[in-house]
Amino acid sequence: MSKYLVLIFEDDVRTKEEAGETVSADYQAFMQRRGSSLINGAGLEPPSTATSIRRDGAGGFSVTDGPFAESKETLAGYYLIEAADLDEALEIAKDIPAGVGVEVRPVRVGG
């Protein structure tokens, strides 16, 4: 079995409206259906709470308030899943009730 990180994206407006909301019924149903494949997961606080750190090219860092990139779509949460292969991971990801969509990436294991 391989591990995949599924990044969940929502509209910034929706994320703000749902800040502090408990787990929705749609997500609860997803977690019940796919619980055996879920290793971990969490929702994220709104983008306004983010702090970004960038290398400044001179050996230092620039720290700014806000997400790394300005966008209408924001990273709202994630699931770490286990699946036999990418096809199975994509089927699990399609089942996530995300507003905008998800991104699936294999987790690199070892050196």
PDB file of N, CA and C in Angstrom:
ATOM      1  N   MET A   1       0.846  -1.186   0.000  1.00  0.00           N
ATOM      2  CA  MET A   1       0.000   0.000   0.000  1.00  0.00           C
ATOM      3  C   MET A   1       0.888   1.245   0.000  1.00  0.00           C
ATOM      4  N   SER A   2       0.487   2.224  -0.754  1.00  0.00           N
ATOM      5  CA  SER A   2       1.202   3.489  -0.838  1.00  0.00           C
ATOM      6  C   SER A   2       0.426   4.577  -0.125  1.00  0.00           C
ATOM      7  N   LYS A   3       1.139   5.622   0.247  1.00  0.00           N
ATOM      8  CA  LYS A   3       0.512   6.765   0.914  1.00  0.00           C
ATOM      9  C   LYS A   3       0.399   7.932  -0.067  1.00  0.00           C
ATOM     10  N   TYR A   4      -0.712   8.662   0.046  1.00  0.00           N
ATOM     11  CA  TYR A   4      -0.964   9.821  -0.796  1.00  0.00           C
ATOM     12  C   TYR A   4      -1.480  10.950   0.078  1.00  0.00           C
ATOM     13  N   LEU A   5      -1.048  12.158  -0.223  1.00  0.00           N
ATOM     14  CA  LEU A   5      -1.569  13.342   0.442  1.00  0.00           C
ATOM     15  C   LEU A   5      -2.598  13.960  -0.487  1.00  0.00           C
ATOM     16  N   VAL A   6      -3.804  14.169   0.031  1.00  0.00           N
ATOM     17  CA  VAL A   6      -4.876  14.788  -0.741  1.00  0.00           C
ATOM     18  C   VAL A   6      -5.097  16.179  -0.161  1.00  0.00           C
ATOM     19  N   LEU A   7      -4.787  17.200  -0.946  1.00  0.00           N
ATOM     20  CA  LEU A   7      -4.963  18.591  -0.526  1.00  0.00           C
ATOM     21  C   LEU A   7      -6.347  19.046  -0.964  1.00  0.00           C
ATOM     22  N   ILE A   8      -7.104  19.630  -0.047  1.00  0.00           N
ATOM     23  CA  ILE A   8      -8.483  20.029  -0.306  1.00  0.00           C
ATOM     24  C   ILE A   8      -8.541  21.530  -0.516  1.00  0.00           C
ATOM     25  N   PHE A   9      -9.137  21.954  -1.627  1.00  0.00           N
ATOM     26  CA  PHE A   9      -9.253  23.376  -1.943  1.00  0.00           C
ATOM     27  C   PHE A   9     -10.712  23.810  -1.918  1.00  0.00           C
ATOM     28  N   GLU A  10     -10.956  24.976  -1.346  1.00  0.00           N
ATOM     29  CA  GLU A  10     -12.289  25.561  -1.259  1.00  0.00           C
ATOM     30  C   GLU A  10     -12.213  26.998  -1.750  1.00  0.00           C
ATOM     31  N   ASP A  11     -13.374  27.560  -2.081  1.00  0.00           N
ATOM     32  CA  ASP A  11     -13.445  28.993  -2.375  1.00  0.00           C
ATOM     33  C   ASP A  11     -13.118  29.753  -1.109  1.00  0.00           C
ATOM     34  N   ASP A  12     -12.362  30.844  -1.224  1.00  0.00           N
ATOM     35  CA  ASP A  12     -12.016  31.667  -0.064  1.00  0.00           C
ATOM     36  C   ASP A  12     -13.270  32.147   0.652  1.00  0.00           C
ATOM     37  N   VAL A  13     -14.311  32.511  -0.091  1.00  0.00           N
ATOM     38  CA  VAL A  13     -15.558  32.989   0.522  1.00  0.00           C
ATOM     39  C   VAL A  13     -16.183  31.902   1.373  1.00  0.00           C
ATOM     40  N   ARG A  14     -16.233  30.689   0.834  1.00  0.00           N
ATOM     41  CA  ARG A  14     -16.826  29.575   1.576  1.00  0.00           C
ATOM     42  C   ARG A  14     -16.003  29.268   2.827  1.00  0.00           C
ATOM     43  N   THR A  15     -14.684  29.308   2.684  1.00  0.00           N
ATOM     44  CA  THR A  15     -13.804  29.031   3.825  1.00  0.00           C
ATOM     45  C   THR A  15     -14.076  30.019   4.958  1.00  0.00           C
ATOM     46  N   LYS A  16     -14.218  31.294   4.630  1.00  0.00           N
ATOM     47  CA  LYS A  16     -14.491  32.303   5.653  1.00  0.00           C
ATOM     48  C   LYS A  16     -15.833  32.065   6.319  1.00  0.00           C
ATOM     49  N   GLU A  17     -16.847  31.707   5.524  1.00  0.00           N
ATOM     50  CA  GLU A  17     -18.179  31.481   6.074  1.00  0.00           C
ATOM     51  C   GLU A  17     -18.199  30.296   7.019  1.00  0.00           C
ATOM     52  N   GLU A  18     -17.382  29.283   6.737  1.00  0.00           N
ATOM     53  CA  GLU A  18     -17.421  28.058   7.516  1.00  0.00           C
ATOM     54  C   GLU A  18     -16.365  28.007   8.618  1.00  0.00           C
ATOM     55  N   ALA A  19     -15.633  29.080   8.809  1.00  0.00           N
ATOM     56  CA  ALA A  19     -14.603  29.087   9.845  1.00  0.00           C
ATOM     57  C   ALA A  19     -15.232  28.754  11.193  1.00  0.00           C
ATOM     58  N   GLY A  20     -14.658  27.789  11.854  1.00  0.00           N
ATOM     59  CA  GLY A  20     -15.150  27.405  13.171  1.00  0.00           C
ATOM     60  C   GLY A  20     -16.275  26.387  13.130  1.00  0.00           C
ATOM     61  N   GLU A  21     -16.769  26.041  11.930  1.00  0.00           N
ATOM     62  CA  GLU A  21     -17.846  25.068  11.816  1.00  0.00           C
ATOM     63  C   GLU A  21     -17.330  23.688  12.194  1.00  0.00           C
ATOM     64  N   THR A  22     -18.200  22.881  12.788  1.00  0.00           N
ATOM     65  CA  THR A  22     -17.824  21.500  13.060  1.00  0.00           C
ATOM     66  C   THR A  22     -17.798  20.736  11.734  1.00  0.00           C
ATOM     67  N   VAL A  23     -17.411  19.498  11.764  1.00  0.00           N
ATOM     68  CA  VAL A  23     -17.325  18.690  10.553  1.00  0.00           C
ATOM     69  C   VAL A  23     -18.716  18.554   9.940  1.00  0.00           C
ATOM     70  N   SER A  24     -18.838  18.907   8.664  1.00  0.00           N
ATOM     71  CA  SER A  24     -20.142  18.867   7.995  1.00  0.00           C
ATOM     72  C   SER A  24     -20.622  17.433   7.832  1.00  0.00           C
ATOM     73  N   ALA A  25     -21.910  17.290   7.602  1.00  0.00           N
ATOM     74  CA  ALA A  25     -22.506  15.965   7.408  1.00  0.00           C
ATOM     75  C   ALA A  25     -21.891  15.267   6.189  1.00  0.00           C
ATOM     76  N   ASP A  26     -21.594  16.033   5.118  1.00  0.00           N
ATOM     77  CA  ASP A  26     -20.980  15.446   3.924  1.00  0.00           C
ATOM     78  C   ASP A  26     -19.606  14.853   4.240  1.00  0.00           C
ATOM     79  N   TYR A  27     -18.813  15.581   5.018  1.00  0.00           N
ATOM     80  CA  TYR A  27     -17.484  15.073   5.380  1.00  0.00           C
ATOM     81  C   TYR A  27     -17.587  13.910   6.369  1.00  0.00           C
ATOM     82  N   GLN A  28     -18.536  13.959   7.280  1.00  0.00           N
ATOM     83  CA  GLN A  28     -18.736  12.837   8.198  1.00  0.00           C
ATOM     84  C   GLN A  28     -19.082  11.571   7.423  1.00  0.00           C
ATOM     85  N   ALA A  29     -19.964  11.693   6.422  1.00  0.00           N
ATOM     86  CA  ALA A  29     -20.340  10.546   5.598  1.00  0.00           C
ATOM     87  C   ALA A  29     -19.132  10.030   4.811  1.00  0.00           C
ATOM     88  N   PHE A  30     -18.323  10.946   4.255  1.00  0.00           N
ATOM     89  CA  PHE A  30     -17.116  10.545   3.542  1.00  0.00           C
ATOM     90  C   PHE A  30     -16.193   9.761   4.472  1.00  0.00           C
ATOM     91  N   MET A  31     -15.977  10.270   5.685  1.00  0.00           N
ATOM     92  CA  MET A  31     -15.064   9.608   6.625  1.00  0.00           C
ATOM     93  C   MET A  31     -15.586   8.240   7.031  1.00  0.00           C
ATOM     94  N   GLN A  32     -16.896   8.062   7.116  1.00  0.00           N
ATOM     95  CA  GLN A  32     -17.448   6.739   7.418  1.00  0.00           C
ATOM     96  C   GLN A  32     -17.252   5.782   6.246  1.00  0.00           C
ATOM     97  N   ARG A  33     -17.478   6.264   5.014  1.00  0.00           N
ATOM     98  CA  ARG A  33     -17.316   5.412   3.826  1.00  0.00           C
ATOM     99  C   ARG A  33     -15.866   5.010   3.606  1.00  0.00           C
ATOM    100  N   ARG A  34     -14.952   5.931   3.842  1.00  0.00           N
ATOM    101  CA  ARG A  34     -13.548   5.722   3.477  1.00  0.00           C
ATOM    102  C   ARG A  34     -12.614   5.584   4.673  1.00  0.00           C
ATOM    103  N   GLY A  35     -13.161   5.403   5.853  1.00  0.00           N
ATOM    104  CA  GLY A  35     -12.371   5.370   7.082  1.00  0.00           C
ATOM    105  C   GLY A  35     -11.204   4.406   7.068  1.00  0.00           C
ATOM    106  N   SER A  36     -11.339   3.262   6.404  1.00  0.00           N
ATOM    107  CA  SER A  36     -10.247   2.289   6.403  1.00  0.00           C
ATOM    108  C   SER A  36      -9.040   2.774   5.597  1.00  0.00           C
ATOM    109  N   SER A  37      -9.233   3.770   4.728  1.00  0.00           N
ATOM    110  CA  SER A  37      -8.123   4.305   3.924  1.00  0.00           C
ATOM    111  C   SER A  37      -7.529   5.572   4.509  1.00  0.00           C
ATOM    112  N   LEU A  38      -8.204   6.179   5.477  1.00  0.00           N
ATOM    113  CA  LEU A  38      -7.756   7.456   6.033  1.00  0.00           C
ATOM    114  C   LEU A  38      -6.751   7.228   7.149  1.00  0.00           C
ATOM    115  N   ILE A  39      -5.581   7.811   7.015  1.00  0.00           N
ATOM    116  CA  ILE A  39      -4.559   7.720   8.057  1.00  0.00           C
ATOM    117  C   ILE A  39      -4.655   8.924   8.983  1.00  0.00           C
ATOM    118  N   ASN A  40      -4.872  10.094   8.388  1.00  0.00           N
ATOM    119  CA  ASN A  40      -4.921  11.336   9.150  1.00  0.00           C
ATOM    120  C   ASN A  40      -5.618  12.376   8.286  1.00  0.00           C
ATOM    121  N   GLY A  41      -6.027  13.452   8.903  1.00  0.00           N
ATOM    122  CA  GLY A  41      -6.619  14.548   8.148  1.00  0.00           C
ATOM    123  C   GLY A  41      -7.028  15.656   9.082  1.00  0.00           C
ATOM    124  N   ALA A  42      -7.170  16.853   8.526  1.00  0.00           N
ATOM    125  CA  ALA A  42      -7.601  17.989   9.335  1.00  0.00           C
ATOM    126  C   ALA A  42      -8.009  19.127   8.418  1.00  0.00           C
ATOM    127  N   GLY A  43      -8.898  19.955   8.933  1.00  0.00           N
ATOM    128  CA  GLY A  43      -9.219  21.206   8.268  1.00  0.00           C
ATOM    129  C   GLY A  43      -8.227  22.256   8.731  1.00  0.00           C
ATOM    130  N   LEU A  44      -8.042  23.268   7.928  1.00  0.00           N
ATOM    131  CA  LEU A  44      -7.117  24.340   8.280  1.00  0.00           C
ATOM    132  C   LEU A  44      -7.885  25.601   8.634  1.00  0.00           C
ATOM    133  N   GLU A  45      -7.276  26.434   9.447  1.00  0.00           N
ATOM    134  CA  GLU A  45      -7.854  27.739   9.757  1.00  0.00           C
ATOM    135  C   GLU A  45      -7.856  28.572   8.477  1.00  0.00           C
ATOM    136  N   PRO A  46      -8.640  29.645   8.414  1.00  0.00           N
ATOM    137  CA  PRO A  46      -8.732  30.460   7.199  1.00  0.00           C
ATOM    138  C   PRO A  46      -7.373  31.033   6.773  1.00  0.00           C
ATOM    139  N   PRO A  47      -7.246  31.367   5.481  1.00  0.00           N
ATOM    140  CA  PRO A  47      -5.986  31.900   4.961  1.00  0.00           C
ATOM    141  C   PRO A  47      -5.503  33.150   5.691  1.00  0.00           C
ATOM    142  N   SER A  48      -6.413  33.903   6.266  1.00  0.00           N
ATOM    143  CA  SER A  48      -6.007  35.117   6.981  1.00  0.00           C
ATOM    144  C   SER A  48      -5.126  34.811   8.182  1.00  0.00           C
ATOM    145  N   THR A  49      -5.099  33.560   8.636  1.00  0.00           N
ATOM    146  CA  THR A  49      -4.275  33.178   9.779  1.00  0.00           C
ATOM    147  C   THR A  49      -2.897  32.661   9.363  1.00  0.00           C
ATOM    148  N   ALA A  50      -2.667  32.552   8.052  1.00  0.00           N
ATOM    149  CA  ALA A  50      -1.411  31.998   7.548  1.00  0.00           C
ATOM    150  C   ALA A  50      -0.257  32.985   7.693  1.00  0.00           C
ATOM    151  N   THR A  51       0.931  32.445   7.830  1.00  0.00           N
ATOM    152  CA  THR A  51       2.170  33.214   7.787  1.00  0.00           C
ATOM    153  C   THR A  51       3.081  32.518   6.787  1.00  0.00           C
ATOM    154  N   SER A  52       3.636  33.265   5.846  1.00  0.00           N
ATOM    155  CA  SER A  52       4.498  32.693   4.816  1.00  0.00           C
ATOM    156  C   SER A  52       5.948  33.109   5.054  1.00  0.00           C
ATOM    157  N   ILE A  53       6.837  32.165   4.811  1.00  0.00           N
ATOM    158  CA  ILE A  53       8.275  32.417   4.947  1.00  0.00           C
ATOM    159  C   ILE A  53       8.917  32.111   3.602  1.00  0.00           C
ATOM    160  N   ARG A  54       9.671  33.076   3.079  1.00  0.00           N
ATOM    161  CA  ARG A  54      10.379  32.906   1.807  1.00  0.00           C
ATOM    162  C   ARG A  54      11.859  33.207   2.023  1.00  0.00           C
ATOM    163  N   ARG A  55      12.697  32.490   1.322  1.00  0.00           N
ATOM    164  CA  ARG A  55      14.121  32.806   1.332  1.00  0.00           C
ATOM    165  C   ARG A  55      14.311  34.088   0.544  1.00  0.00           C
ATOM    166  N   ASP A  56      15.180  34.964   1.036  1.00  0.00           N
ATOM    167  CA  ASP A  56      15.351  36.264   0.376  1.00  0.00           C
ATOM    168  C   ASP A  56      16.511  36.294  -0.619  1.00  0.00           C
ATOM    169  N   GLY A  57      17.207  35.177  -0.793  1.00  0.00           N
ATOM    170  CA  GLY A  57      18.308  35.119  -1.747  1.00  0.00           C
ATOM    171  C   GLY A  57      19.631  35.590  -1.189  1.00  0.00           C
ATOM    172  N   ALA A  58      19.626  36.198  -0.011  1.00  0.00           N
ATOM    173  CA  ALA A  58      20.856  36.689   0.612  1.00  0.00           C
ATOM    174  C   ALA A  58      21.175  35.905   1.884  1.00  0.00           C
ATOM    175  N   GLY A  59      20.583  34.722   2.008  1.00  0.00           N
ATOM    176  CA  GLY A  59      20.831  33.899   3.187  1.00  0.00           C
ATOM    177  C   GLY A  59      19.862  34.158   4.317  1.00  0.00           C
ATOM    178  N   GLY A  60      18.921  35.041   4.137  1.00  0.00           N
ATOM    179  CA  GLY A  60      17.934  35.344   5.169  1.00  0.00           C
ATOM    180  C   GLY A  60      16.542  34.935   4.737  1.00  0.00           C
ATOM    181  N   PHE A  61      15.579  35.433   5.474  1.00  0.00           N
ATOM    182  CA  PHE A  61      14.192  35.078   5.227  1.00  0.00           C
ATOM    183  C   PHE A  61      13.313  36.319   5.266  1.00  0.00           C
ATOM    184  N   SER A  62      12.221  36.256   4.524  1.00  0.00           N
ATOM    185  CA  SER A  62      11.185  37.271   4.562  1.00  0.00           C
ATOM    186  C   SER A  62       9.930  36.609   5.119  1.00  0.00           C
ATOM    187  N   VAL A  63       9.386  37.185   6.173  1.00  0.00           N
ATOM    188  CA  VAL A  63       8.187  36.629   6.811  1.00  0.00           C
ATOM    189  C   VAL A  63       7.044  37.603   6.589  1.00  0.00           C
ATOM    190  N   THR A  64       5.934  37.095   6.011  1.00  0.00           N
ATOM    191  CA  THR A  64       4.788  37.955   5.739  1.00  0.00           C
ATOM    192  C   THR A  64       3.503  37.292   6.220  1.00  0.00           C
ATOM    193  N   ASP A  65       2.520  38.109   6.547  1.00  0.00           N
ATOM    194  CA  ASP A  65       1.206  37.594   6.912  1.00  0.00           C
ATOM    195  C   ASP A  65       0.482  37.174   5.647  1.00  0.00           C
ATOM    196  N   GLY A  66      -0.283  36.107   5.745  1.00  0.00           N
ATOM    197  CA  GLY A  66      -1.095  35.659   4.622  1.00  0.00           C
ATOM    198  C   GLY A  66      -0.542  34.417   3.967  1.00  0.00           C
ATOM    199  N   PRO A  67      -1.345  33.837   3.080  1.00  0.00           N
ATOM    200  CA  PRO A  67      -0.926  32.605   2.399  1.00  0.00           C
ATOM    201  C   PRO A  67       0.208  32.865   1.417  1.00  0.00           C
ATOM    202  N   PHE A  68       0.842  31.801   0.977  1.00  0.00           N
ATOM    203  CA  PHE A  68       1.983  31.880   0.062  1.00  0.00           C
ATOM    204  C   PHE A  68       1.598  32.528  -1.256  1.00  0.00           C
ATOM    205  N   ALA A  69       0.384  32.234  -1.755  1.00  0.00           N
ATOM    206  CA  ALA A  69      -0.078  32.823  -3.012  1.00  0.00           C
ATOM    207  C   ALA A  69      -1.481  33.381  -2.816  1.00  0.00           C
ATOM    208  N   GLU A  70      -1.746  34.525  -3.388  1.00  0.00           N
ATOM    209  CA  GLU A  70      -3.087  35.104  -3.356  1.00  0.00           C
ATOM    210  C   GLU A  70      -3.942  34.384  -4.384  1.00  0.00           C
ATOM    211  N   SER A  71      -5.111  33.925  -3.976  1.00  0.00           N
ATOM    212  CA  SER A  71      -5.971  33.188  -4.885  1.00  0.00           C
ATOM    213  C   SER A  71      -7.392  33.163  -4.349  1.00  0.00           C
ATOM    214  N   LYS A  72      -8.362  32.996  -5.229  1.00  0.00           N
ATOM    215  CA  LYS A  72      -9.744  32.813  -4.794  1.00  0.00           C
ATOM    216  C   LYS A  72      -9.916  31.433  -4.173  1.00  0.00           C
ATOM    217  N   GLU A  73      -9.079  30.489  -4.610  1.00  0.00           N
ATOM    218  CA  GLU A  73      -9.118  29.138  -4.082  1.00  0.00           C
ATOM    219  C   GLU A  73      -8.055  29.017  -2.994  1.00  0.00           C
ATOM    220  N   THR A  74      -8.440  28.454  -1.869  1.00  0.00           N
ATOM    221  CA  THR A  74      -7.494  28.348  -0.764  1.00  0.00           C
ATOM    222  C   THR A  74      -7.372  26.906  -0.299  1.00  0.00           C
ATOM    223  N   LEU A  75      -6.214  26.588   0.242  1.00  0.00           N
ATOM    224  CA  LEU A  75      -5.991  25.282   0.834  1.00  0.00           C
ATOM    225  C   LEU A  75      -6.789  25.238   2.123  1.00  0.00           C
ATOM    226  N   ALA A  76      -7.744  24.324   2.203  1.00  0.00           N
ATOM    227  CA  ALA A  76      -8.661  24.292   3.345  1.00  0.00           C
ATOM    228  C   ALA A  76      -8.425  23.106   4.272  1.00  0.00           C
ATOM    229  N   GLY A  77      -7.717  22.095   3.799  1.00  0.00           N
ATOM    230  CA  GLY A  77      -7.486  20.924   4.640  1.00  0.00           C
ATOM    231  C   GLY A  77      -6.763  19.849   3.858  1.00  0.00           C
ATOM    232  N   TYR A  78      -6.635  18.678   4.489  1.00  0.00           N
ATOM    233  CA  TYR A  78      -5.919  17.581   3.839  1.00  0.00           C
ATOM    234  C   TYR A  78      -6.358  16.256   4.428  1.00  0.00           C
ATOM    235  N   TYR A  79      -6.108  15.206   3.691  1.00  0.00           N
ATOM    236  CA  TYR A  79      -6.186  13.835   4.192  1.00  0.00           C
ATOM    237  C   TYR A  79      -4.902  13.134   3.775  1.00  0.00           C
ATOM    238  N   LEU A  80      -4.344  12.351   4.664  1.00  0.00           N
ATOM    239  CA  LEU A  80      -3.279  11.427   4.329  1.00  0.00           C
ATOM    240  C   LEU A  80      -3.968  10.081   4.199  1.00  0.00           C
ATOM    241  N   ILE A  81      -3.890   9.491   3.002  1.00  0.00           N
ATOM    242  CA  ILE A  81      -4.607   8.240   2.763  1.00  0.00           C
ATOM    243  C   ILE A  81      -3.635   7.134   2.388  1.00  0.00           C
ATOM    244  N   GLU A  82      -4.134   5.928   2.460  1.00  0.00           N
ATOM    245  CA  GLU A  82      -3.379   4.768   2.027  1.00  0.00           C
ATOM    246  C   GLU A  82      -4.195   4.089   0.938  1.00  0.00           C
ATOM    247  N   ALA A  83      -3.552   3.764  -0.177  1.00  0.00           N
ATOM    248  CA  ALA A  83      -4.242   3.142  -1.296  1.00  0.00           C
ATOM    249  C   ALA A  83      -3.292   2.183  -2.004  1.00  0.00           C
ATOM    250  N   ALA A  84      -3.861   1.221  -2.699  1.00  0.00           N
ATOM    251  CA  ALA A  84      -3.050   0.225  -3.400  1.00  0.00           C
ATOM    252  C   ALA A  84      -2.231   0.856  -4.522  1.00  0.00           C
ATOM    253  N   ASP A  85      -2.812   1.872  -5.176  1.00  0.00           N
ATOM    254  CA  ASP A  85      -2.126   2.530  -6.284  1.00  0.00           C
ATOM    255  C   ASP A  85      -2.784   3.890  -6.530  1.00  0.00           C
ATOM    256  N   LEU A  86      -2.261   4.614  -7.519  1.00  0.00           N
ATOM    257  CA  LEU A  86      -2.790   5.946  -7.815  1.00  0.00           C
ATOM    258  C   LEU A  86      -4.260   5.891  -8.219  1.00  0.00           C
ATOM    259  N   ASP A  87      -4.643   4.876  -8.985  1.00  0.00           N
ATOM    260  CA  ASP A  87      -6.050   4.771  -9.402  1.00  0.00           C
ATOM    261  C   ASP A  87      -6.987   4.701  -8.193  1.00  0.00           C
ATOM    262  N   GLU A  88      -6.632   3.900  -7.202  1.00  0.00           N
ATOM    263  CA  GLU A  88      -7.464   3.809  -6.000  1.00  0.00           C
ATOM    264  C   GLU A  88      -7.441   5.131  -5.235  1.00  0.00           C
ATOM    265  N   ALA A  89      -6.273   5.770  -5.155  1.00  0.00           N
ATOM    266  CA  ALA A  89      -6.177   7.062  -4.471  1.00  0.00           C
ATOM    267  C   ALA A  89      -7.081   8.091  -5.141  1.00  0.00           C
ATOM    268  N   LEU A  90      -7.127   8.085  -6.465  1.00  0.00           N
ATOM    269  CA  LEU A  90      -7.982   9.032  -7.191  1.00  0.00           C
ATOM    270  C   LEU A  90      -9.456   8.749  -6.939  1.00  0.00           C
ATOM    271  N   GLU A  91      -9.829   7.492  -6.848  1.00  0.00           N
ATOM    272  CA  GLU A  91     -11.230   7.154  -6.552  1.00  0.00           C
ATOM    273  C   GLU A  91     -11.615   7.645  -5.156  1.00  0.00           C
ATOM    274  N   ILE A  92     -10.724   7.494  -4.187  1.00  0.00           N
ATOM    275  CA  ILE A  92     -10.989   7.996  -2.835  1.00  0.00           C
ATOM    276  C   ILE A  92     -11.104   9.513  -2.873  1.00  0.00           C
ATOM    277  N   ALA A  93     -10.178  10.172  -3.575  1.00  0.00           N
ATOM    278  CA  ALA A  93     -10.168  11.634  -3.641  1.00  0.00           C
ATOM    279  C   ALA A  93     -11.423  12.176  -4.311  1.00  0.00           C
ATOM    280  N   LYS A  94     -11.933  11.492  -5.320  1.00  0.00           N
ATOM    281  CA  LYS A  94     -13.158  11.922  -5.999  1.00  0.00           C
ATOM    282  C   LYS A  94     -14.354  11.906  -5.056  1.00  0.00           C
ATOM    283  N   ASP A  95     -14.270  11.118  -4.015  1.00  0.00           N
ATOM    284  CA  ASP A  95     -15.364  10.970  -3.052  1.00  0.00           C
ATOM    285  C   ASP A  95     -15.381  12.095  -2.008  1.00  0.00           C
ATOM    286  N   ILE A  96     -14.313  12.877  -1.920  1.00  0.00           N
ATOM    287  CA  ILE A  96     -14.234  13.970  -0.951  1.00  0.00           C
ATOM    288  C   ILE A  96     -15.171  15.092  -1.388  1.00  0.00           C
ATOM    289  N   PRO A  97     -16.022  15.577  -0.496  1.00  0.00           N
ATOM    290  CA  PRO A  97     -17.003  16.607  -0.867  1.00  0.00           C
ATOM    291  C   PRO A  97     -16.414  18.022  -0.890  1.00  0.00           C
ATOM    292  N   ALA A  98     -15.275  18.188  -1.550  1.00  0.00           N
ATOM    293  CA  ALA A  98     -14.602  19.496  -1.616  1.00  0.00           C
ATOM    294  C   ALA A  98     -15.358  20.424  -2.554  1.00  0.00           C
ATOM    295  N   GLY A  99     -15.394  21.705  -2.193  1.00  0.00           N
ATOM    296  CA  GLY A  99     -16.094  22.683  -2.995  1.00  0.00           C
ATOM    297  C   GLY A  99     -15.447  22.954  -4.330  1.00  0.00           C
ATOM    298  N   VAL A 100     -14.133  23.162  -4.358  1.00  0.00           N
ATOM    299  CA  VAL A 100     -13.425  23.487  -5.601  1.00  0.00           C
ATOM    300  C   VAL A 100     -12.798  22.230  -6.197  1.00  0.00           C
ATOM    301  N   GLY A 101     -12.089  21.481  -5.387  1.00  0.00           N
ATOM    302  CA  GLY A 101     -11.436  20.273  -5.862  1.00  0.00           C
ATOM    303  C   GLY A 101     -10.315  19.854  -4.944  1.00  0.00           C
ATOM    304  N   VAL A 102      -9.596  18.835  -5.364  1.00  0.00           N
ATOM    305  CA  VAL A 102      -8.503  18.308  -4.557  1.00  0.00           C
ATOM    306  C   VAL A 102      -7.282  18.090  -5.441  1.00  0.00           C
ATOM    307  N   GLU A 103      -6.134  18.003  -4.805  1.00  0.00           N
ATOM    308  CA  GLU A 103      -4.882  17.641  -5.474  1.00  0.00           C
ATOM    309  C   GLU A 103      -4.347  16.408  -4.770  1.00  0.00           C
ATOM    310  N   VAL A 104      -3.930  15.415  -5.536  1.00  0.00           N
ATOM    311  CA  VAL A 104      -3.426  14.154  -4.983  1.00  0.00           C
ATOM    312  C   VAL A 104      -1.943  14.046  -5.311  1.00  0.00           C
ATOM    313  N   ARG A 105      -1.138  13.784  -4.290  1.00  0.00           N
ATOM    314  CA  ARG A 105       0.305  13.605  -4.500  1.00  0.00           C
ATOM    315  C   ARG A 105       0.790  12.378  -3.736  1.00  0.00           C
ATOM    316  N   PRO A 106       1.600  11.559  -4.388  1.00  0.00           N
ATOM    317  CA  PRO A 106       2.224  10.437  -3.674  1.00  0.00           C
ATOM    318  C   PRO A 106       3.166  10.982  -2.601  1.00  0.00           C
ATOM    319  N   VAL A 107       3.226  10.292  -1.488  1.00  0.00           N
ATOM    320  CA  VAL A 107       4.157  10.653  -0.421  1.00  0.00           C
ATOM    321  C   VAL A 107       5.464   9.918  -0.690  1.00  0.00           C
ATOM    322  N   ARG A 108       6.556  10.672  -0.706  1.00  0.00           N
ATOM    323  CA  ARG A 108       7.870  10.092  -0.938  1.00  0.00           C
ATOM    324  C   ARG A 108       8.309   9.353   0.324  1.00  0.00           C
ATOM    325  N   VAL A 109       8.734   8.124   0.147  1.00  0.00           N
ATOM    326  CA  VAL A 109       9.147   7.298   1.277  1.00  0.00           C
ATOM    327  C   VAL A 109      10.627   7.052   1.175  1.00  0.00           C
ATOM    328  N   GLY A 110      11.335   7.236   2.276  1.00  0.00           N
ATOM    329  CA  GLY A 110      12.762   6.950   2.305  1.00  0.00           C
ATOM    330  C   GLY A 110      13.597   8.024   1.649  1.00  0.00           C
ATOM    331  N   GLY A 111      14.890   7.740   1.495  1.00  0.00           N
ATOM    332  CA  GLY A 111      15.901   8.654   1.018  1.00  0.00           C
ATOM    333  C   GLY A 111      15.698   9.136  -0.345  1.00  0.00           C
TER     334      GLY A 111
END
